[in-house]
Amino acid sequence: MKFFDRITQNPEIMGGRPCIRGMRVTVGMVIGQIAAGQNIDEILANYPYLEREDILQALRYAAWRAEEREVILATA
């Protein structure tokens, strides 16, 4: 995995979904806001506890995950 120091996963936070710096803000939420037409400055205004690098890293993480390929393993 590439190095994503702002993306965290904890089974006790948001059901283990990838989040921004341990907060209850998921990568999916950030990507969804961008897909809905908001730009980075609008997201930062709506979520003042986020930083520009949080959003950029969420985008990089989502792009990395989109390129992953899952391999189905045989069951024992």
PDB file of N, CA and C in Angstrom:
ATOM      1  N   MET A   1       0.840  -1.186   0.000  1.00  0.00           N
ATOM      2  CA  MET A   1       0.000   0.000   0.000  1.00  0.00           C
ATOM      3  C   MET A   1       0.878   1.238   0.000  1.00  0.00           C
ATOM      4  N   LYS A   2       0.439   2.219  -0.738  1.00  0.00           N
ATOM      5  CA  LYS A   2       1.157   3.489  -0.720  1.00  0.00           C
ATOM      6  C   LYS A   2       1.006   4.129   0.648  1.00  0.00           C
ATOM      7  N   PHE A   3       1.818   5.110   0.897  1.00  0.00           N
ATOM      8  CA  PHE A   3       1.811   5.761   2.202  1.00  0.00           C
ATOM      9  C   PHE A   3       0.734   6.842   2.253  1.00  0.00           C
ATOM     10  N   PHE A   4      -0.251   6.629   3.087  1.00  0.00           N
ATOM     11  CA  PHE A   4      -1.327   7.588   3.299  1.00  0.00           C
ATOM     12  C   PHE A   4      -1.383   7.898   4.786  1.00  0.00           C
ATOM     13  N   ASP A   5      -0.709   8.938   5.209  1.00  0.00           N
ATOM     14  CA  ASP A   5      -0.618   9.224   6.639  1.00  0.00           C
ATOM     15  C   ASP A   5      -1.845   9.924   7.202  1.00  0.00           C
ATOM     16  N   ARG A   6      -2.760  10.362   6.363  1.00  0.00           N
ATOM     17  CA  ARG A   6      -3.971  11.028   6.840  1.00  0.00           C
ATOM     18  C   ARG A   6      -5.205  10.138   6.736  1.00  0.00           C
ATOM     19  N   ILE A   7      -5.064   8.974   6.134  1.00  0.00           N
ATOM     20  CA  ILE A   7      -6.177   8.051   5.986  1.00  0.00           C
ATOM     21  C   ILE A   7      -6.032   6.974   7.052  1.00  0.00           C
ATOM     22  N   THR A   8      -7.059   6.825   7.872  1.00  0.00           N
ATOM     23  CA  THR A   8      -7.008   5.859   8.965  1.00  0.00           C
ATOM     24  C   THR A   8      -8.201   4.910   8.872  1.00  0.00           C
ATOM     25  N   GLN A   9      -8.010   3.732   9.451  1.00  0.00           N
ATOM     26  CA  GLN A   9      -9.102   2.769   9.548  1.00  0.00           C
ATOM     27  C   GLN A   9      -9.109   2.201  10.957  1.00  0.00           C
ATOM     28  N   ASN A  10     -10.276   2.260  11.574  1.00  0.00           N
ATOM     29  CA  ASN A  10     -10.450   1.749  12.919  1.00  0.00           C
ATOM     30  C   ASN A  10     -11.832   1.111  12.961  1.00  0.00           C
ATOM     31  N   PRO A  11     -11.918  -0.175  13.330  1.00  0.00           N
ATOM     32  CA  PRO A  11     -13.223  -0.834  13.342  1.00  0.00           C
ATOM     33  C   PRO A  11     -14.254  -0.140  14.231  1.00  0.00           C
ATOM     34  N   GLU A  12     -13.802   0.678  15.169  1.00  0.00           N
ATOM     35  CA  GLU A  12     -14.724   1.351  16.075  1.00  0.00           C
ATOM     36  C   GLU A  12     -15.145   2.741  15.593  1.00  0.00           C
ATOM     37  N   ILE A  13     -14.596   3.179  14.472  1.00  0.00           N
ATOM     38  CA  ILE A  13     -14.962   4.484  13.919  1.00  0.00           C
ATOM     39  C   ILE A  13     -15.549   4.266  12.530  1.00  0.00           C
ATOM     40  N   MET A  14     -16.793   4.645  12.362  1.00  0.00           N
ATOM     41  CA  MET A  14     -17.500   4.553  11.081  1.00  0.00           C
ATOM     42  C   MET A  14     -17.448   3.139  10.491  1.00  0.00           C
ATOM     43  N   GLY A  15     -17.507   2.152  11.359  1.00  0.00           N
ATOM     44  CA  GLY A  15     -17.547   0.764  10.911  1.00  0.00           C
ATOM     45  C   GLY A  15     -16.288   0.298  10.209  1.00  0.00           C
ATOM     46  N   GLY A  16     -15.176   0.974  10.462  1.00  0.00           N
ATOM     47  CA  GLY A  16     -13.913   0.566   9.849  1.00  0.00           C
ATOM     48  C   GLY A  16     -13.680   1.130   8.455  1.00  0.00           C
ATOM     49  N   ARG A  17     -14.574   1.990   7.993  1.00  0.00           N
ATOM     50  CA  ARG A  17     -14.360   2.599   6.677  1.00  0.00           C
ATOM     51  C   ARG A  17     -13.183   3.573   6.752  1.00  0.00           C
ATOM     52  N   PRO A  18     -12.482   3.773   5.645  1.00  0.00           N
ATOM     53  CA  PRO A  18     -11.362   4.715   5.645  1.00  0.00           C
ATOM     54  C   PRO A  18     -11.835   6.129   6.000  1.00  0.00           C
ATOM     55  N   CYS A  19     -11.165   6.732   6.977  1.00  0.00           N
ATOM     56  CA  CYS A  19     -11.536   8.063   7.469  1.00  0.00           C
ATOM     57  C   CYS A  19     -10.350   9.013   7.380  1.00  0.00           C
ATOM     58  N   ILE A  20     -10.655  10.269   7.553  1.00  0.00           N
ATOM     59  CA  ILE A  20      -9.633  11.308   7.571  1.00  0.00           C
ATOM     60  C   ILE A  20      -9.151  11.500   9.004  1.00  0.00           C
ATOM     61  N   ARG A  21      -7.889  11.242   9.252  1.00  0.00           N
ATOM     62  CA  ARG A  21      -7.207  11.481  10.524  1.00  0.00           C
ATOM     63  C   ARG A  21      -7.997  11.023  11.747  1.00  0.00           C
ATOM     64  N   GLY A  22      -8.642   9.862  11.655  1.00  0.00           N
ATOM     65  CA  GLY A  22      -9.349   9.310  12.798  1.00  0.00           C
ATOM     66  C   GLY A  22     -10.657   9.996  13.126  1.00  0.00           C
ATOM     67  N   MET A  23     -11.056  10.969  12.327  1.00  0.00           N
ATOM     68  CA  MET A  23     -12.321  11.669  12.550  1.00  0.00           C
ATOM     69  C   MET A  23     -13.460  10.866  11.926  1.00  0.00           C
ATOM     70  N   ARG A  24     -14.660  11.273  12.192  1.00  0.00           N
ATOM     71  CA  ARG A  24     -15.830  10.612  11.637  1.00  0.00           C
ATOM     72  C   ARG A  24     -16.171  11.206  10.263  1.00  0.00           C
ATOM     73  N   VAL A  25     -15.158  11.436   9.477  1.00  0.00           N
ATOM     74  CA  VAL A  25     -15.294  11.930   8.106  1.00  0.00           C
ATOM     75  C   VAL A  25     -14.663  10.875   7.210  1.00  0.00           C
ATOM     76  N   THR A  26     -15.493  10.211   6.409  1.00  0.00           N
ATOM     77  CA  THR A  26     -14.969   9.134   5.582  1.00  0.00           C
ATOM     78  C   THR A  26     -14.414   9.661   4.261  1.00  0.00           C
ATOM     79  N   VAL A  27     -13.519   8.874   3.703  1.00  0.00           N
ATOM     80  CA  VAL A  27     -13.001   9.193   2.371  1.00  0.00           C
ATOM     81  C   VAL A  27     -14.170   9.252   1.393  1.00  0.00           C
ATOM     82  N   GLY A  28     -15.103   8.308   1.532  1.00  0.00           N
ATOM     83  CA  GLY A  28     -16.261   8.283   0.640  1.00  0.00           C
ATOM     84  C   GLY A  28     -17.088   9.555   0.705  1.00  0.00           C
ATOM     85  N   MET A  29     -17.221  10.140   1.891  1.00  0.00           N
ATOM     86  CA  MET A  29     -17.964  11.381   2.034  1.00  0.00           C
ATOM     87  C   MET A  29     -17.267  12.510   1.273  1.00  0.00           C
ATOM     88  N   VAL A  30     -15.962  12.569   1.413  1.00  0.00           N
ATOM     89  CA  VAL A  30     -15.200  13.619   0.722  1.00  0.00           C
ATOM     90  C   VAL A  30     -15.326  13.443  -0.793  1.00  0.00           C
ATOM     91  N   ILE A  31     -15.150  12.228  -1.272  1.00  0.00           N
ATOM     92  CA  ILE A  31     -15.244  11.960  -2.708  1.00  0.00           C
ATOM     93  C   ILE A  31     -16.664  12.249  -3.201  1.00  0.00           C
ATOM     94  N   GLY A  32     -17.645  11.896  -2.388  1.00  0.00           N
ATOM     95  CA  GLY A  32     -19.034  12.178  -2.751  1.00  0.00           C
ATOM     96  C   GLY A  32     -19.308  13.660  -2.896  1.00  0.00           C
ATOM     97  N   GLN A  33     -18.717  14.470  -2.031  1.00  0.00           N
ATOM     98  CA  GLN A  33     -18.893  15.920  -2.118  1.00  0.00           C
ATOM     99  C   GLN A  33     -18.303  16.452  -3.427  1.00  0.00           C
ATOM    100  N   ILE A  34     -17.147  15.938  -3.790  1.00  0.00           N
ATOM    101  CA  ILE A  34     -16.518  16.376  -5.041  1.00  0.00           C
ATOM    102  C   ILE A  34     -17.355  15.912  -6.235  1.00  0.00           C
ATOM    103  N   ALA A  35     -17.853  14.675  -6.181  1.00  0.00           N
ATOM    104  CA  ALA A  35     -18.698  14.156  -7.259  1.00  0.00           C
ATOM    105  C   ALA A  35     -19.986  14.968  -7.398  1.00  0.00           C
ATOM    106  N   ALA A  36     -20.448  15.545  -6.289  1.00  0.00           N
ATOM    107  CA  ALA A  36     -21.666  16.361  -6.311  1.00  0.00           C
ATOM    108  C   ALA A  36     -21.405  17.780  -6.831  1.00  0.00           C
ATOM    109  N   GLY A  37     -20.151  18.084  -7.136  1.00  0.00           N
ATOM    110  CA  GLY A  37     -19.832  19.373  -7.742  1.00  0.00           C
ATOM    111  C   GLY A  37     -19.167  20.385  -6.832  1.00  0.00           C
ATOM    112  N   GLN A  38     -18.927  20.014  -5.576  1.00  0.00           N
ATOM    113  CA  GLN A  38     -18.247  20.962  -4.696  1.00  0.00           C
ATOM    114  C   GLN A  38     -16.752  20.965  -4.995  1.00  0.00           C
ATOM    115  N   ASN A  39     -16.141  22.118  -4.854  1.00  0.00           N
ATOM    116  CA  ASN A  39     -14.693  22.171  -5.016  1.00  0.00           C
ATOM    117  C   ASN A  39     -14.032  22.115  -3.636  1.00  0.00           C
ATOM    118  N   ILE A  40     -12.731  22.030  -3.627  1.00  0.00           N
ATOM    119  CA  ILE A  40     -11.997  21.865  -2.368  1.00  0.00           C
ATOM    120  C   ILE A  40     -12.274  23.020  -1.409  1.00  0.00           C
ATOM    121  N   ASP A  41     -12.288  24.246  -1.917  1.00  0.00           N
ATOM    122  CA  ASP A  41     -12.524  25.398  -1.038  1.00  0.00           C
ATOM    123  C   ASP A  41     -13.913  25.347  -0.395  1.00  0.00           C
ATOM    124  N   GLU A  42     -14.909  24.887  -1.135  1.00  0.00           N
ATOM    125  CA  GLU A  42     -16.256  24.772  -0.565  1.00  0.00           C
ATOM    126  C   GLU A  42     -16.298  23.701   0.527  1.00  0.00           C
ATOM    127  N   ILE A  43     -15.625  22.598   0.290  1.00  0.00           N
ATOM    128  CA  ILE A  43     -15.586  21.534   1.298  1.00  0.00           C
ATOM    129  C   ILE A  43     -14.883  22.043   2.551  1.00  0.00           C
ATOM    130  N   LEU A  44     -13.774  22.748   2.372  1.00  0.00           N
ATOM    131  CA  LEU A  44     -13.050  23.293   3.530  1.00  0.00           C
ATOM    132  C   LEU A  44     -13.899  24.300   4.299  1.00  0.00           C
ATOM    133  N   ALA A  45     -14.724  25.071   3.612  1.00  0.00           N
ATOM    134  CA  ALA A  45     -15.594  26.033   4.284  1.00  0.00           C
ATOM    135  C   ALA A  45     -16.687  25.305   5.081  1.00  0.00           C
ATOM    136  N   ASN A  46     -17.189  24.195   4.530  1.00  0.00           N
ATOM    137  CA  ASN A  46     -18.253  23.434   5.194  1.00  0.00           C
ATOM    138  C   ASN A  46     -17.728  22.552   6.324  1.00  0.00           C
ATOM    139  N   TYR A  47     -16.472  22.165   6.247  1.00  0.00           N
ATOM    140  CA  TYR A  47     -15.841  21.296   7.246  1.00  0.00           C
ATOM    141  C   TYR A  47     -14.529  21.946   7.679  1.00  0.00           C
ATOM    142  N   PRO A  48     -14.593  22.976   8.539  1.00  0.00           N
ATOM    143  CA  PRO A  48     -13.400  23.753   8.878  1.00  0.00           C
ATOM    144  C   PRO A  48     -12.305  22.963   9.589  1.00  0.00           C
ATOM    145  N   TYR A  49     -12.614  21.798  10.099  1.00  0.00           N
ATOM    146  CA  TYR A  49     -11.611  20.965  10.763  1.00  0.00           C
ATOM    147  C   TYR A  49     -10.812  20.138   9.765  1.00  0.00           C
ATOM    148  N   LEU A  50     -11.192  20.155   8.487  1.00  0.00           N
ATOM    149  CA  LEU A  50     -10.400  19.474   7.459  1.00  0.00           C
ATOM    150  C   LEU A  50      -9.342  20.425   6.919  1.00  0.00           C
ATOM    151  N   GLU A  51      -8.289  19.843   6.382  1.00  0.00           N
ATOM    152  CA  GLU A  51      -7.215  20.607   5.746  1.00  0.00           C
ATOM    153  C   GLU A  51      -7.146  20.213   4.279  1.00  0.00           C
ATOM    154  N   ARG A  52      -6.617  21.108   3.482  1.00  0.00           N
ATOM    155  CA  ARG A  52      -6.510  20.860   2.042  1.00  0.00           C
ATOM    156  C   ARG A  52      -5.831  19.516   1.756  1.00  0.00           C
ATOM    157  N   GLU A  53      -4.768  19.204   2.457  1.00  0.00           N
ATOM    158  CA  GLU A  53      -4.054  17.949   2.222  1.00  0.00           C
ATOM    159  C   GLU A  53      -4.926  16.738   2.561  1.00  0.00           C
ATOM    160  N   ASP A  54      -5.868  16.884   3.505  1.00  0.00           N
ATOM    161  CA  ASP A  54      -6.801  15.794   3.804  1.00  0.00           C
ATOM    162  C   ASP A  54      -7.602  15.429   2.558  1.00  0.00           C
ATOM    163  N   ILE A  55      -8.109  16.451   1.889  1.00  0.00           N
ATOM    164  CA  ILE A  55      -8.936  16.223   0.710  1.00  0.00           C
ATOM    165  C   ILE A  55      -8.104  15.677  -0.440  1.00  0.00           C
ATOM    166  N   LEU A  56      -6.925  16.240  -0.642  1.00  0.00           N
ATOM    167  CA  LEU A  56      -6.062  15.748  -1.716  1.00  0.00           C
ATOM    168  C   LEU A  56      -5.656  14.301  -1.473  1.00  0.00           C
ATOM    169  N   GLN A  57      -5.368  13.961  -0.228  1.00  0.00           N
ATOM    170  CA  GLN A  57      -4.975  12.587   0.063  1.00  0.00           C
ATOM    171  C   GLN A  57      -6.168  11.639  -0.077  1.00  0.00           C
ATOM    172  N   ALA A  58      -7.376  12.100   0.261  1.00  0.00           N
ATOM    173  CA  ALA A  58      -8.569  11.283   0.051  1.00  0.00           C
ATOM    174  C   ALA A  58      -8.754  10.987  -1.432  1.00  0.00           C
ATOM    175  N   LEU A  59      -8.503  11.969  -2.273  1.00  0.00           N
ATOM    176  CA  LEU A  59      -8.585  11.751  -3.719  1.00  0.00           C
ATOM    177  C   LEU A  59      -7.543  10.749  -4.194  1.00  0.00           C
ATOM    178  N   ARG A  60      -6.308  10.897  -3.712  1.00  0.00           N
ATOM    179  CA  ARG A  60      -5.252   9.954  -4.105  1.00  0.00           C
ATOM    180  C   ARG A  60      -5.576   8.546  -3.622  1.00  0.00           C
ATOM    181  N   TYR A  61      -6.104   8.440  -2.406  1.00  0.00           N
ATOM    182  CA  TYR A  61      -6.456   7.133  -1.849  1.00  0.00           C
ATOM    183  C   TYR A  61      -7.565   6.481  -2.674  1.00  0.00           C
ATOM    184  N   ALA A  62      -8.589   7.257  -3.020  1.00  0.00           N
ATOM    185  CA  ALA A  62      -9.689   6.723  -3.825  1.00  0.00           C
ATOM    186  C   ALA A  62      -9.195   6.280  -5.200  1.00  0.00           C
ATOM    187  N   ALA A  63      -8.302   7.054  -5.803  1.00  0.00           N
ATOM    188  CA  ALA A  63      -7.749   6.669  -7.106  1.00  0.00           C
ATOM    189  C   ALA A  63      -6.936   5.389  -6.988  1.00  0.00           C
ATOM    190  N   TRP A  64      -6.147   5.285  -5.922  1.00  0.00           N
ATOM    191  CA  TRP A  64      -5.351   4.076  -5.697  1.00  0.00           C
ATOM    192  C   TRP A  64      -6.256   2.863  -5.524  1.00  0.00           C
ATOM    193  N   ARG A  65      -7.324   3.010  -4.724  1.00  0.00           N
ATOM    194  CA  ARG A  65      -8.247   1.897  -4.487  1.00  0.00           C
ATOM    195  C   ARG A  65      -8.985   1.506  -5.760  1.00  0.00           C
ATOM    196  N   ALA A  66      -9.297   2.471  -6.596  1.00  0.00           N
ATOM    197  CA  ALA A  66     -10.000   2.174  -7.851  1.00  0.00           C
ATOM    198  C   ALA A  66      -9.142   1.345  -8.789  1.00  0.00           C
ATOM    199  N   GLU A  67      -7.847   1.456  -8.664  1.00  0.00           N
ATOM    200  CA  GLU A  67      -6.927   0.710  -9.520  1.00  0.00           C
ATOM    201  C   GLU A  67      -6.581  -0.663  -8.962  1.00  0.00           C
ATOM    202  N   GLU A  68      -6.960  -0.930  -7.705  1.00  0.00           N
ATOM    203  CA  GLU A  68      -6.674  -2.232  -7.099  1.00  0.00           C
ATOM    204  C   GLU A  68      -7.455  -3.324  -7.801  1.00  0.00           C
ATOM    205  N   ARG A  69      -6.925  -4.503  -7.750  1.00  0.00           N
ATOM    206  CA  ARG A  69      -7.616  -5.657  -8.314  1.00  0.00           C
ATOM    207  C   ARG A  69      -7.733  -6.713  -7.246  1.00  0.00           C
ATOM    208  N   GLU A  70      -8.944  -7.150  -6.995  1.00  0.00           N
ATOM    209  CA  GLU A  70      -9.134  -8.193  -5.997  1.00  0.00           C
ATOM    210  C   GLU A  70      -8.996  -9.559  -6.662  1.00  0.00           C
ATOM    211  N   VAL A  71      -8.389 -10.455  -5.929  1.00  0.00           N
ATOM    212  CA  VAL A  71      -8.228 -11.822  -6.401  1.00  0.00           C
ATOM    213  C   VAL A  71      -9.047 -12.706  -5.464  1.00  0.00           C
ATOM    214  N   ILE A  72      -9.967 -13.461  -6.034  1.00  0.00           N
ATOM    215  CA  ILE A  72     -10.796 -14.349  -5.245  1.00  0.00           C
ATOM    216  C   ILE A  72      -9.975 -15.597  -4.916  1.00  0.00           C
ATOM    217  N   LEU A  73      -9.890 -15.909  -3.635  1.00  0.00           N
ATOM    218  CA  LEU A  73      -9.138 -17.081  -3.201  1.00  0.00           C
ATOM    219  C   LEU A  73     -10.080 -18.260  -3.028  1.00  0.00           C
ATOM    220  N   ALA A  74      -9.575 -19.432  -3.302  1.00  0.00           N
ATOM    221  CA  ALA A  74     -10.367 -20.648  -3.094  1.00  0.00           C
ATOM    222  C   ALA A  74     -10.593 -20.853  -1.609  1.00  0.00           C
ATOM    223  N   THR A  75     -11.757 -21.364  -1.269  1.00  0.00           N
ATOM    224  CA  THR A  75     -12.018 -21.648   0.131  1.00  0.00           C
ATOM    225  C   THR A  75     -11.521 -23.034   0.471  1.00  0.00           C
ATOM    226  N   ALA A  76     -11.135 -23.222   1.713  1.00  0.00           N
ATOM    227  CA  ALA A  76     -10.582 -24.520   2.142  1.00  0.00           C
ATOM    228  C   ALA A  76     -11.669 -25.523   2.409  1.00  0.00           C
TER     229      ALA A  76
END
